Amino acid sequence: MKGSKSVFDIAPRTGYWEDGSRWIPQPGRNADIYVLAYHPVDDERADHRDPAQWLFYVIATTALPDQKTVSLGRVVSLAEPRRFDGLAQSVEALRENFRSDAGDNGFAQFSIY
C-alpha cells in the first residue's frame, strides 16, 4: 500500500478557546510551539496506537512558513525527528529558548494548543 502525501495544517486561526468555554477572537497562530506528528509505518505492522511508531517534529511558530499548509519534506528541513520518549525533552528545550529570549524577567508568553 502506498502512503498518501503528508501535509500538515498550519493555517492561522481566527481565535482560540480560553478554558474551553470562552472564545477569544485573536487572529494568527496562537501557539509558540507546534508539535507535528508523522506515522511512517504503512504496512501490516502499522499500529497508530503505538507511540513508538510515530515521529514528532517540534518547531517554533516563528520558523513556520507563512502559508496554510506545510509538507513533510519542508518539516524535515525545519526540525529533527524525535521519538515519543524524547518529545517532552524537545518541547522543554524549545520552551527554555523562549524563556532566555524573554529578557531579564525570565518569562515569555508560552502556550501549546
PDB file of N, CA and C in Angstrom:
ATOM      1  N   MET A   1       0.848  -1.182   0.000  1.00  0.00           N
ATOM      2  CA  MET A   1       0.000   0.000   0.000  1.00  0.00           C
ATOM      3  C   MET A   1       0.890   1.241   0.000  1.00  0.00           C
ATOM      4  N   LYS A   2       0.606   2.169  -0.882  1.00  0.00           N
ATOM      5  CA  LYS A   2       1.367   3.402  -0.969  1.00  0.00           C
ATOM      6  C   LYS A   2       0.756   4.443  -0.034  1.00  0.00           C
ATOM      7  N   GLY A   3       1.608   5.100   0.762  1.00  0.00           N
ATOM      8  CA  GLY A   3       1.133   6.126   1.682  1.00  0.00           C
ATOM      9  C   GLY A   3       0.728   7.388   0.945  1.00  0.00           C
ATOM     10  N   SER A   4      -0.138   8.160   1.562  1.00  0.00           N
ATOM     11  CA  SER A   4      -0.561   9.421   0.964  1.00  0.00           C
ATOM     12  C   SER A   4       0.472  10.501   1.262  1.00  0.00           C
ATOM     13  N   LYS A   5       0.404  11.582   0.509  1.00  0.00           N
ATOM     14  CA  LYS A   5       1.309  12.703   0.726  1.00  0.00           C
ATOM     15  C   LYS A   5       1.010  13.313   2.095  1.00  0.00           C
ATOM     16  N   SER A   6       2.044  13.525   2.866  1.00  0.00           N
ATOM     17  CA  SER A   6       1.863  14.064   4.216  1.00  0.00           C
ATOM     18  C   SER A   6       1.944  15.582   4.190  1.00  0.00           C
ATOM     19  N   VAL A   7       0.839  16.205   4.587  1.00  0.00           N
ATOM     20  CA  VAL A   7       0.731  17.659   4.642  1.00  0.00           C
ATOM     21  C   VAL A   7       0.110  18.022   5.983  1.00  0.00           C
ATOM     22  N   PHE A   8       0.645  19.059   6.617  1.00  0.00           N
ATOM     23  CA  PHE A   8       0.173  19.493   7.928  1.00  0.00           C
ATOM     24  C   PHE A   8      -0.526  20.842   7.813  1.00  0.00           C
ATOM     25  N   ASP A   9      -1.628  20.990   8.525  1.00  0.00           N
ATOM     26  CA  ASP A   9      -2.377  22.242   8.565  1.00  0.00           C
ATOM     27  C   ASP A   9      -1.705  23.178   9.572  1.00  0.00           C
ATOM     28  N   ILE A  10      -1.192  24.294   9.091  1.00  0.00           N
ATOM     29  CA  ILE A  10      -0.564  25.290   9.967  1.00  0.00           C
ATOM     30  C   ILE A  10      -1.198  26.667   9.767  1.00  0.00           C
ATOM     31  N   ALA A  11      -2.403  26.673   9.222  1.00  0.00           N
ATOM     32  CA  ALA A  11      -3.075  27.940   8.913  1.00  0.00           C
ATOM     33  C   ALA A  11      -3.332  28.751  10.176  1.00  0.00           C
ATOM     34  N   PRO A  12      -3.156  30.062  10.087  1.00  0.00           N
ATOM     35  CA  PRO A  12      -3.547  30.917  11.209  1.00  0.00           C
ATOM     36  C   PRO A  12      -5.042  30.746  11.496  1.00  0.00           C
ATOM     37  N   ARG A  13      -5.421  30.935  12.729  1.00  0.00           N
ATOM     38  CA  ARG A  13      -6.813  30.784  13.157  1.00  0.00           C
ATOM     39  C   ARG A  13      -7.421  32.144  13.464  1.00  0.00           C
ATOM     40  N   THR A  14      -8.723  32.154  13.632  1.00  0.00           N
ATOM     41  CA  THR A  14      -9.420  33.407  13.929  1.00  0.00           C
ATOM     42  C   THR A  14      -9.458  33.710  15.418  1.00  0.00           C
ATOM     43  N   GLY A  15      -9.065  32.758  16.242  1.00  0.00           N
ATOM     44  CA  GLY A  15      -9.065  32.945  17.686  1.00  0.00           C
ATOM     45  C   GLY A  15      -8.830  31.618  18.380  1.00  0.00           C
ATOM     46  N   TYR A  16      -9.131  31.579  19.673  1.00  0.00           N
ATOM     47  CA  TYR A  16      -8.943  30.351  20.443  1.00  0.00           C
ATOM     48  C   TYR A  16      -9.916  30.321  21.618  1.00  0.00           C
ATOM     49  N   TRP A  17     -10.100  29.123  22.175  1.00  0.00           N
ATOM     50  CA  TRP A  17     -10.970  28.936  23.335  1.00  0.00           C
ATOM     51  C   TRP A  17     -10.150  29.054  24.609  1.00  0.00           C
ATOM     52  N   GLU A  18     -10.579  29.900  25.500  1.00  0.00           N
ATOM     53  CA  GLU A  18      -9.933  30.038  26.799  1.00  0.00           C
ATOM     54  C   GLU A  18     -10.711  29.201  27.802  1.00  0.00           C
ATOM     55  N   ASP A  19     -10.030  28.317  28.482  1.00  0.00           N
ATOM     56  CA  ASP A  19     -10.645  27.422  29.465  1.00  0.00           C
ATOM     57  C   ASP A  19     -11.778  26.593  28.866  1.00  0.00           C
ATOM     58  N   GLY A  20     -11.770  26.421  27.554  1.00  0.00           N
ATOM     59  CA  GLY A  20     -12.770  25.597  26.899  1.00  0.00           C
ATOM     60  C   GLY A  20     -14.168  26.180  26.846  1.00  0.00           C
ATOM     61  N   SER A  21     -14.354  27.412  27.334  1.00  0.00           N
ATOM     62  CA  SER A  21     -15.710  27.949  27.382  1.00  0.00           C
ATOM     63  C   SER A  21     -15.856  29.365  26.824  1.00  0.00           C
ATOM     64  N   ARG A  22     -14.764  30.101  26.709  1.00  0.00           N
ATOM     65  CA  ARG A  22     -14.851  31.490  26.256  1.00  0.00           C
ATOM     66  C   ARG A  22     -14.002  31.686  25.006  1.00  0.00           C
ATOM     67  N   TRP A  23     -14.644  32.134  23.929  1.00  0.00           N
ATOM     68  CA  TRP A  23     -13.949  32.351  22.665  1.00  0.00           C
ATOM     69  C   TRP A  23     -13.207  33.682  22.710  1.00  0.00           C
ATOM     70  N   ILE A  24     -11.919  33.645  22.386  1.00  0.00           N
ATOM     71  CA  ILE A  24     -11.089  34.845  22.324  1.00  0.00           C
ATOM     72  C   ILE A  24     -10.767  35.103  20.853  1.00  0.00           C
ATOM     73  N   PRO A  25     -11.335  36.163  20.261  1.00  0.00           N
ATOM     74  CA  PRO A  25     -11.038  36.452  18.861  1.00  0.00           C
ATOM     75  C   PRO A  25      -9.644  37.078  18.736  1.00  0.00           C
ATOM     76  N   GLN A  26      -8.691  36.282  18.320  1.00  0.00           N
ATOM     77  CA  GLN A  26      -7.311  36.749  18.182  1.00  0.00           C
ATOM     78  C   GLN A  26      -6.713  36.072  16.951  1.00  0.00           C
ATOM     79  N   PRO A  27      -6.804  36.728  15.798  1.00  0.00           N
ATOM     80  CA  PRO A  27      -6.290  36.121  14.573  1.00  0.00           C
ATOM     81  C   PRO A  27      -4.790  35.841  14.652  1.00  0.00           C
ATOM     82  N   GLY A  28      -4.387  34.750  14.032  1.00  0.00           N
ATOM     83  CA  GLY A  28      -2.975  34.394  13.969  1.00  0.00           C
ATOM     84  C   GLY A  28      -2.745  32.982  14.466  1.00  0.00           C
ATOM     85  N   ARG A  29      -1.504  32.670  14.645  1.00  0.00           N
ATOM     86  CA  ARG A  29      -1.124  31.378  15.212  1.00  0.00           C
ATOM     87  C   ARG A  29      -1.001  31.573  16.715  1.00  0.00           C
ATOM     88  N   ASN A  30      -1.875  30.946  17.444  1.00  0.00           N
ATOM     89  CA  ASN A  30      -1.993  31.188  18.878  1.00  0.00           C
ATOM     90  C   ASN A  30      -1.209  30.199  19.725  1.00  0.00           C
ATOM     91  N   ALA A  31      -0.071  29.779  19.237  1.00  0.00           N
ATOM     92  CA  ALA A  31       0.824  28.905  19.996  1.00  0.00           C
ATOM     93  C   ALA A  31       2.255  29.302  19.662  1.00  0.00           C
ATOM     94  N   ASP A  32       3.140  29.106  20.579  1.00  0.00           N
ATOM     95  CA  ASP A  32       4.554  29.405  20.352  1.00  0.00           C
ATOM     96  C   ASP A  32       5.300  28.226  19.748  1.00  0.00           C
ATOM     97  N   ILE A  33       4.779  27.027  19.992  1.00  0.00           N
ATOM     98  CA  ILE A  33       5.432  25.800  19.533  1.00  0.00           C
ATOM     99  C   ILE A  33       4.396  24.904  18.860  1.00  0.00           C
ATOM    100  N   TYR A  34       4.771  24.355  17.726  1.00  0.00           N
ATOM    101  CA  TYR A  34       3.959  23.343  17.054  1.00  0.00           C
ATOM    102  C   TYR A  34       4.655  22.001  17.215  1.00  0.00           C
ATOM    103  N   VAL A  35       3.885  20.974  17.526  1.00  0.00           N
ATOM    104  CA  VAL A  35       4.381  19.601  17.529  1.00  0.00           C
ATOM    105  C   VAL A  35       3.615  18.877  16.428  1.00  0.00           C
ATOM    106  N   LEU A  36       4.325  18.538  15.362  1.00  0.00           N
ATOM    107  CA  LEU A  36       3.717  17.850  14.229  1.00  0.00           C
ATOM    108  C   LEU A  36       4.093  16.380  14.310  1.00  0.00           C
ATOM    109  N   ALA A  37       3.117  15.514  14.129  1.00  0.00           N
ATOM    110  CA  ALA A  37       3.326  14.074  14.269  1.00  0.00           C
ATOM    111  C   ALA A  37       3.154  13.380  12.925  1.00  0.00           C
ATOM    112  N   TYR A  38       4.053  12.448  12.647  1.00  0.00           N
ATOM    113  CA  TYR A  38       4.024  11.695  11.399  1.00  0.00           C
ATOM    114  C   TYR A  38       4.169  10.210  11.709  1.00  0.00           C
ATOM    115  N   HIS A  39       3.313   9.404  11.099  1.00  0.00           N
ATOM    116  CA  HIS A  39       3.344   7.950  11.286  1.00  0.00           C
ATOM    117  C   HIS A  39       3.880   7.312  10.005  1.00  0.00           C
ATOM    118  N   PRO A  40       5.178   6.947   9.975  1.00  0.00           N
ATOM    119  CA  PRO A  40       5.788   6.459   8.741  1.00  0.00           C
ATOM    120  C   PRO A  40       5.498   4.998   8.393  1.00  0.00           C
ATOM    121  N   VAL A  41       4.936   4.232   9.310  1.00  0.00           N
ATOM    122  CA  VAL A  41       4.698   2.809   9.064  1.00  0.00           C
ATOM    123  C   VAL A  41       3.391   2.661   8.293  1.00  0.00           C
ATOM    124  N   ASP A  42       3.470   2.091   7.077  1.00  0.00           N
ATOM    125  CA  ASP A  42       2.256   1.975   6.263  1.00  0.00           C
ATOM    126  C   ASP A  42       2.039   0.559   5.727  1.00  0.00           C
ATOM    127  N   ASP A  43       2.504  -0.423   6.477  1.00  0.00           N
ATOM    128  CA  ASP A  43       2.260  -1.814   6.085  1.00  0.00           C
ATOM    129  C   ASP A  43       1.477  -2.518   7.195  1.00  0.00           C
ATOM    130  N   GLU A  44       1.454  -3.833   7.173  1.00  0.00           N
ATOM    131  CA  GLU A  44       0.649  -4.592   8.141  1.00  0.00           C
ATOM    132  C   GLU A  44       1.112  -4.418   9.589  1.00  0.00           C
ATOM    133  N   ARG A  45       2.299  -3.875   9.810  1.00  0.00           N
ATOM    134  CA  ARG A  45       2.792  -3.624  11.173  1.00  0.00           C
ATOM    135  C   ARG A  45       2.239  -2.331  11.772  1.00  0.00           C
ATOM    136  N   ALA A  46       1.593  -1.517  10.962  1.00  0.00           N
ATOM    137  CA  ALA A  46       1.127  -0.204  11.415  1.00  0.00           C
ATOM    138  C   ALA A  46       0.129  -0.333  12.565  1.00  0.00           C
ATOM    139  N   ASP A  47       0.420   0.387  13.629  1.00  0.00           N
ATOM    140  CA  ASP A  47      -0.476   0.463  14.787  1.00  0.00           C
ATOM    141  C   ASP A  47      -0.436   1.906  15.282  1.00  0.00           C
ATOM    142  N   HIS A  48      -1.420   2.686  14.895  1.00  0.00           N
ATOM    143  CA  HIS A  48      -1.440   4.107  15.243  1.00  0.00           C
ATOM    144  C   HIS A  48      -1.557   4.352  16.738  1.00  0.00           C
ATOM    145  N   ARG A  49      -1.906   3.325  17.495  1.00  0.00           N
ATOM    146  CA  ARG A  49      -1.988   3.465  18.956  1.00  0.00           C
ATOM    147  C   ARG A  49      -0.626   3.372  19.618  1.00  0.00           C
ATOM    148  N   ASP A  50       0.374   2.911  18.890  1.00  0.00           N
ATOM    149  CA  ASP A  50       1.713   2.707  19.439  1.00  0.00           C
ATOM    150  C   ASP A  50       2.553   3.970  19.248  1.00  0.00           C
ATOM    151  N   PRO A  51       2.815   4.719  20.314  1.00  0.00           N
ATOM    152  CA  PRO A  51       3.574   5.966  20.160  1.00  0.00           C
ATOM    153  C   PRO A  51       4.999   5.747  19.658  1.00  0.00           C
ATOM    154  N   ALA A  52       5.538   4.550  19.814  1.00  0.00           N
ATOM    155  CA  ALA A  52       6.894   4.262  19.338  1.00  0.00           C
ATOM    156  C   ALA A  52       6.968   4.257  17.808  1.00  0.00           C
ATOM    157  N   GLN A  53       5.827   4.135  17.129  1.00  0.00           N
ATOM    158  CA  GLN A  53       5.826   4.133  15.668  1.00  0.00           C
ATOM    159  C   GLN A  53       5.744   5.537  15.068  1.00  0.00           C
ATOM    160  N   TRP A  54       5.574   6.543  15.885  1.00  0.00           N
ATOM    161  CA  TRP A  54       5.418   7.912  15.397  1.00  0.00           C
ATOM    162  C   TRP A  54       6.738   8.674  15.451  1.00  0.00           C
ATOM    163  N   LEU A  55       6.861   9.656  14.569  1.00  0.00           N
ATOM    164  CA  LEU A  55       7.945  10.634  14.623  1.00  0.00           C
ATOM    165  C   LEU A  55       7.311  11.989  14.918  1.00  0.00           C
ATOM    166  N   PHE A  56       7.978  12.778  15.748  1.00  0.00           N
ATOM    167  CA  PHE A  56       7.459  14.083  16.148  1.00  0.00           C
ATOM    168  C   PHE A  56       8.461  15.167  15.765  1.00  0.00           C
ATOM    169  N   TYR A  57       7.934  16.284  15.310  1.00  0.00           N
ATOM    170  CA  TYR A  57       8.751  17.425  14.912  1.00  0.00           C
ATOM    171  C   TYR A  57       8.322  18.623  15.756  1.00  0.00           C
ATOM    172  N   VAL A  58       9.238  19.144  16.547  1.00  0.00           N
ATOM    173  CA  VAL A  58       8.967  20.264  17.444  1.00  0.00           C
ATOM    174  C   VAL A  58       9.527  21.521  16.788  1.00  0.00           C
ATOM    175  N   ILE A  59       8.629  22.470  16.485  1.00  0.00           N
ATOM    176  CA  ILE A  59       9.013  23.632  15.680  1.00  0.00           C
ATOM    177  C   ILE A  59       8.473  24.909  16.316  1.00  0.00           C
ATOM    178  N   ALA A  60       9.330  25.908  16.439  1.00  0.00           N
ATOM    179  CA  ALA A  60       8.876  27.227  16.889  1.00  0.00           C
ATOM    180  C   ALA A  60       7.957  27.814  15.826  1.00  0.00           C
ATOM    181  N   THR A  61       6.888  28.425  16.248  1.00  0.00           N
ATOM    182  CA  THR A  61       5.938  29.025  15.315  1.00  0.00           C
ATOM    183  C   THR A  61       6.626  30.020  14.391  1.00  0.00           C
ATOM    184  N   THR A  62       7.589  30.744  14.905  1.00  0.00           N
ATOM    185  CA  THR A  62       8.296  31.742  14.097  1.00  0.00           C
ATOM    186  C   THR A  62       9.097  31.116  12.960  1.00  0.00           C
ATOM    187  N   ALA A  63       9.390  29.820  13.041  1.00  0.00           N
ATOM    188  CA  ALA A  63      10.141  29.131  11.985  1.00  0.00           C
ATOM    189  C   ALA A  63       9.234  28.589  10.883  1.00  0.00           C
ATOM    190  N   LEU A  64       7.923  28.589  11.117  1.00  0.00           N
ATOM    191  CA  LEU A  64       6.995  28.056  10.120  1.00  0.00           C
ATOM    192  C   LEU A  64       6.841  29.025   8.953  1.00  0.00           C
ATOM    193  N   PRO A  65       6.672  28.491   7.740  1.00  0.00           N
ATOM    194  CA  PRO A  65       6.449  29.369   6.591  1.00  0.00           C
ATOM    195  C   PRO A  65       5.089  30.057   6.686  1.00  0.00           C
ATOM    196  N   ASP A  66       4.975  31.194   6.040  1.00  0.00           N
ATOM    197  CA  ASP A  66       3.737  31.975   6.049  1.00  0.00           C
ATOM    198  C   ASP A  66       2.782  31.415   4.992  1.00  0.00           C
ATOM    199  N   GLN A  67       2.169  30.284   5.330  1.00  0.00           N
ATOM    200  CA  GLN A  67       1.234  29.616   4.432  1.00  0.00           C
ATOM    201  C   GLN A  67       0.284  28.766   5.261  1.00  0.00           C
ATOM    202  N   LYS A  68      -0.719  28.175   4.605  1.00  0.00           N
ATOM    203  CA  LYS A  68      -1.748  27.420   5.321  1.00  0.00           C
ATOM    204  C   LYS A  68      -1.364  25.977   5.604  1.00  0.00           C
ATOM    205  N   THR A  69      -0.520  25.401   4.767  1.00  0.00           N
ATOM    206  CA  THR A  69      -0.093  24.020   4.959  1.00  0.00           C
ATOM    207  C   THR A  69       1.416  23.925   4.762  1.00  0.00           C
ATOM    208  N   VAL A  70       1.972  22.830   5.267  1.00  0.00           N
ATOM    209  CA  VAL A  70       3.401  22.583   5.089  1.00  0.00           C
ATOM    210  C   VAL A  70       3.582  21.087   4.834  1.00  0.00           C
ATOM    211  N   SER A  71       4.434  20.764   3.879  1.00  0.00           N
ATOM    212  CA  SER A  71       4.672  19.361   3.528  1.00  0.00           C
ATOM    213  C   SER A  71       5.655  18.726   4.512  1.00  0.00           C
ATOM    214  N   LEU A  72       5.633  17.409   4.563  1.00  0.00           N
ATOM    215  CA  LEU A  72       6.570  16.688   5.414  1.00  0.00           C
ATOM    216  C   LEU A  72       8.008  17.018   5.021  1.00  0.00           C
ATOM    217  N   GLY A  73       8.281  17.133   3.732  1.00  0.00           N
ATOM    218  CA  GLY A  73       9.627  17.470   3.283  1.00  0.00           C
ATOM    219  C   GLY A  73      10.118  18.784   3.868  1.00  0.00           C
ATOM    220  N   ARG A  74       9.251  19.773   3.906  1.00  0.00           N
ATOM    221  CA  ARG A  74       9.617  21.074   4.485  1.00  0.00           C
ATOM    222  C   ARG A  74       9.784  20.956   6.001  1.00  0.00           C
ATOM    223  N   VAL A  75       8.912  20.194   6.645  1.00  0.00           N
ATOM    224  CA  VAL A  75       9.003  19.992   8.093  1.00  0.00           C
ATOM    225  C   VAL A  75      10.344  19.370   8.454  1.00  0.00           C
ATOM    226  N   VAL A  76      10.771  18.380   7.682  1.00  0.00           N
ATOM    227  CA  VAL A  76      12.051  17.705   7.932  1.00  0.00           C
ATOM    228  C   VAL A  76      13.210  18.693   7.827  1.00  0.00           C
ATOM    229  N   SER A  77      13.069  19.708   6.983  1.00  0.00           N
ATOM    230  CA  SER A  77      14.130  20.713   6.862  1.00  0.00           C
ATOM    231  C   SER A  77      14.115  21.705   8.025  1.00  0.00           C
ATOM    232  N   LEU A  78      13.022  21.749   8.780  1.00  0.00           N
ATOM    233  CA  LEU A  78      12.895  22.693   9.893  1.00  0.00           C
ATOM    234  C   LEU A  78      13.260  22.096  11.248  1.00  0.00           C
ATOM    235  N   ALA A  79      13.142  20.773  11.390  1.00  0.00           N
ATOM    236  CA  ALA A  79      13.354  20.153  12.708  1.00  0.00           C
ATOM    237  C   ALA A  79      13.809  18.710  12.550  1.00  0.00           C
ATOM    238  N   GLU A  80      14.557  18.243  13.522  1.00  0.00           N
ATOM    239  CA  GLU A  80      14.970  16.846  13.577  1.00  0.00           C
ATOM    240  C   GLU A  80      13.804  16.005  14.098  1.00  0.00           C
ATOM    241  N   PRO A  81      13.623  14.801  13.565  1.00  0.00           N
ATOM    242  CA  PRO A  81      12.556  13.947  14.101  1.00  0.00           C
ATOM    243  C   PRO A  81      12.892  13.482  15.512  1.00  0.00           C
ATOM    244  N   ARG A  82      11.882  13.399  16.341  1.00  0.00           N
ATOM    245  CA  ARG A  82      12.024  12.919  17.714  1.00  0.00           C
ATOM    246  C   ARG A  82      11.082  11.749  17.918  1.00  0.00           C
ATOM    247  N   ARG A  83      11.528  10.795  18.699  1.00  0.00           N
ATOM    248  CA  ARG A  83      10.661   9.689  19.102  1.00  0.00           C
ATOM    249  C   ARG A  83       9.844  10.139  20.309  1.00  0.00           C
ATOM    250  N   PHE A  84       8.809   9.389  20.618  1.00  0.00           N
ATOM    251  CA  PHE A  84       7.916   9.749  21.713  1.00  0.00           C
ATOM    252  C   PHE A  84       8.662   9.921  23.032  1.00  0.00           C
ATOM    253  N   ASP A  85       9.624   9.041  23.294  1.00  0.00           N
ATOM    254  CA  ASP A  85      10.325   9.114  24.580  1.00  0.00           C
ATOM    255  C   ASP A  85      11.220  10.346  24.702  1.00  0.00           C
ATOM    256  N   GLY A  86      11.482  11.066  23.622  1.00  0.00           N
ATOM    257  CA  GLY A  86      12.263  12.297  23.680  1.00  0.00           C
ATOM    258  C   GLY A  86      11.452  13.550  23.409  1.00  0.00           C
ATOM    259  N   LEU A  87      10.145  13.380  23.234  1.00  0.00           N
ATOM    260  CA  LEU A  87       9.289  14.503  22.859  1.00  0.00           C
ATOM    261  C   LEU A  87       9.231  15.581  23.938  1.00  0.00           C
ATOM    262  N   ALA A  88       8.975  15.200  25.166  1.00  0.00           N
ATOM    263  CA  ALA A  88       8.865  16.190  26.250  1.00  0.00           C
ATOM    264  C   ALA A  88      10.159  16.978  26.401  1.00  0.00           C
ATOM    265  N   GLN A  89      11.282  16.304  26.287  1.00  0.00           N
ATOM    266  CA  GLN A  89      12.579  16.974  26.414  1.00  0.00           C
ATOM    267  C   GLN A  89      12.770  17.994  25.283  1.00  0.00           C
ATOM    268  N   SER A  90      12.354  17.655  24.079  1.00  0.00           N
ATOM    269  CA  SER A  90      12.488  18.575  22.947  1.00  0.00           C
ATOM    270  C   SER A  90      11.601  19.803  23.109  1.00  0.00           C
ATOM    271  N   VAL A  91      10.376  19.591  23.570  1.00  0.00           N
ATOM    272  CA  VAL A  91       9.472  20.721  23.804  1.00  0.00           C
ATOM    273  C   VAL A  91      10.043  21.614  24.903  1.00  0.00           C
ATOM    274  N   GLU A  92      10.518  21.011  25.974  1.00  0.00           N
ATOM    275  CA  GLU A  92      11.068  21.789  27.084  1.00  0.00           C
ATOM    276  C   GLU A  92      12.303  22.582  26.649  1.00  0.00           C
ATOM    277  N   ALA A  93      13.146  22.000  25.812  1.00  0.00           N
ATOM    278  CA  ALA A  93      14.338  22.707  25.334  1.00  0.00           C
ATOM    279  C   ALA A  93      13.943  23.943  24.528  1.00  0.00           C
ATOM    280  N   LEU A  94      12.947  23.808  23.669  1.00  0.00           N
ATOM    281  CA  LEU A  94      12.497  24.960  22.890  1.00  0.00           C
ATOM    282  C   LEU A  94      11.817  25.982  23.797  1.00  0.00           C
ATOM    283  N   ARG A  95      11.082  25.499  24.769  1.00  0.00           N
ATOM    284  CA  ARG A  95      10.438  26.387  25.746  1.00  0.00           C
ATOM    285  C   ARG A  95      11.487  27.197  26.507  1.00  0.00           C
ATOM    286  N   GLU A  96      12.581  26.565  26.866  1.00  0.00           N
ATOM    287  CA  GLU A  96      13.669  27.271  27.553  1.00  0.00           C
ATOM    288  C   GLU A  96      14.259  28.363  26.660  1.00  0.00           C
ATOM    289  N   ASN A  97      14.314  28.121  25.353  1.00  0.00           N
ATOM    290  CA  ASN A  97      14.775  29.163  24.426  1.00  0.00           C
ATOM    291  C   ASN A  97      13.869  30.380  24.484  1.00  0.00           C
ATOM    292  N   PHE A  98      12.560  30.150  24.597  1.00  0.00           N
ATOM    293  CA  PHE A  98      11.629  31.267  24.721  1.00  0.00           C
ATOM    294  C   PHE A  98      11.898  32.039  26.010  1.00  0.00           C
ATOM    295  N   ARG A  99      12.162  31.324  27.080  1.00  0.00           N
ATOM    296  CA  ARG A  99      12.447  31.983  28.362  1.00  0.00           C
ATOM    297  C   ARG A  99      13.704  32.836  28.271  1.00  0.00           C
ATOM    298  N   SER A 100      14.762  32.295  27.673  1.00  0.00           N
ATOM    299  CA  SER A 100      16.011  33.056  27.598  1.00  0.00           C
ATOM    300  C   SER A 100      15.868  34.255  26.665  1.00  0.00           C
ATOM    301  N   ASP A 101      14.989  34.156  25.665  1.00  0.00           N
ATOM    302  CA  ASP A 101      14.750  35.277  24.758  1.00  0.00           C
ATOM    303  C   ASP A 101      13.870  36.354  25.389  1.00  0.00           C
ATOM    304  N   ALA A 102      13.237  36.039  26.533  1.00  0.00           N
ATOM    305  CA  ALA A 102      12.297  36.969  27.152  1.00  0.00           C
ATOM    306  C   ALA A 102      12.987  38.098  27.901  1.00  0.00           C
ATOM    307  N   GLY A 103      14.265  37.957  28.163  1.00  0.00           N
ATOM    308  CA  GLY A 103      14.975  39.032  28.844  1.00  0.00           C
ATOM    309  C   GLY A 103      15.123  38.790  30.330  1.00  0.00           C
ATOM    310  N   ASP A 104      15.212  39.877  31.067  1.00  0.00           N
ATOM    311  CA  ASP A 104      15.543  39.827  32.486  1.00  0.00           C
ATOM    312  C   ASP A 104      14.531  39.087  33.345  1.00  0.00           C
ATOM    313  N   ASN A 105      13.242  39.169  33.012  1.00  0.00           N
ATOM    314  CA  ASN A 105      12.256  38.551  33.898  1.00  0.00           C
ATOM    315  C   ASN A 105      12.211  37.033  33.758  1.00  0.00           C
ATOM    316  N   GLY A 106      12.842  36.489  32.715  1.00  0.00           N
ATOM    317  CA  GLY A 106      12.915  35.042  32.568  1.00  0.00           C
ATOM    318  C   GLY A 106      11.640  34.387  32.083  1.00  0.00           C
ATOM    319  N   PHE A 107      10.649  35.190  31.708  1.00  0.00           N
ATOM    320  CA  PHE A 107       9.388  34.620  31.258  1.00  0.00           C
ATOM    321  C   PHE A 107       9.043  35.134  29.872  1.00  0.00           C
ATOM    322  N   ALA A 108       8.468  34.280  29.108  1.00  0.00           N
ATOM    323  CA  ALA A 108       7.907  34.657  27.816  1.00  0.00           C
ATOM    324  C   ALA A 108       6.498  34.096  27.787  1.00  0.00           C
ATOM    325  N   GLN A 109       5.639  34.733  27.033  1.00  0.00           N
ATOM    326  CA  GLN A 109       4.308  34.160  26.889  1.00  0.00           C
ATOM    327  C   GLN A 109       4.480  32.825  26.195  1.00  0.00           C
ATOM    328  N   PHE A 110       3.924  31.787  26.764  1.00  0.00           N
ATOM    329  CA  PHE A 110       4.113  30.450  26.231  1.00  0.00           C
ATOM    330  C   PHE A 110       2.794  29.713  26.270  1.00  0.00           C
ATOM    331  N   SER A 111       2.441  29.109  25.164  1.00  0.00           N
ATOM    332  CA  SER A 111       1.207  28.337  25.134  1.00  0.00           C
ATOM    333  C   SER A 111       1.333  27.219  24.119  1.00  0.00           C
ATOM    334  N   ILE A 112       0.676  26.106  24.408  1.00  0.00           N
ATOM    335  CA  ILE A 112       0.597  24.984  23.476  1.00  0.00           C
ATOM    336  C   ILE A 112      -0.872  24.669  23.295  1.00  0.00           C
ATOM    337  N   TYR A 113      -1.318  24.591  22.052  1.00  0.00           N
ATOM    338  CA  TYR A 113      -2.713  24.259  21.752  1.00  0.00           C
ATOM    339  C   TYR A 113      -2.750  22.992  20.965  1.00  0.00           C
TER     340      TYR A 113
END
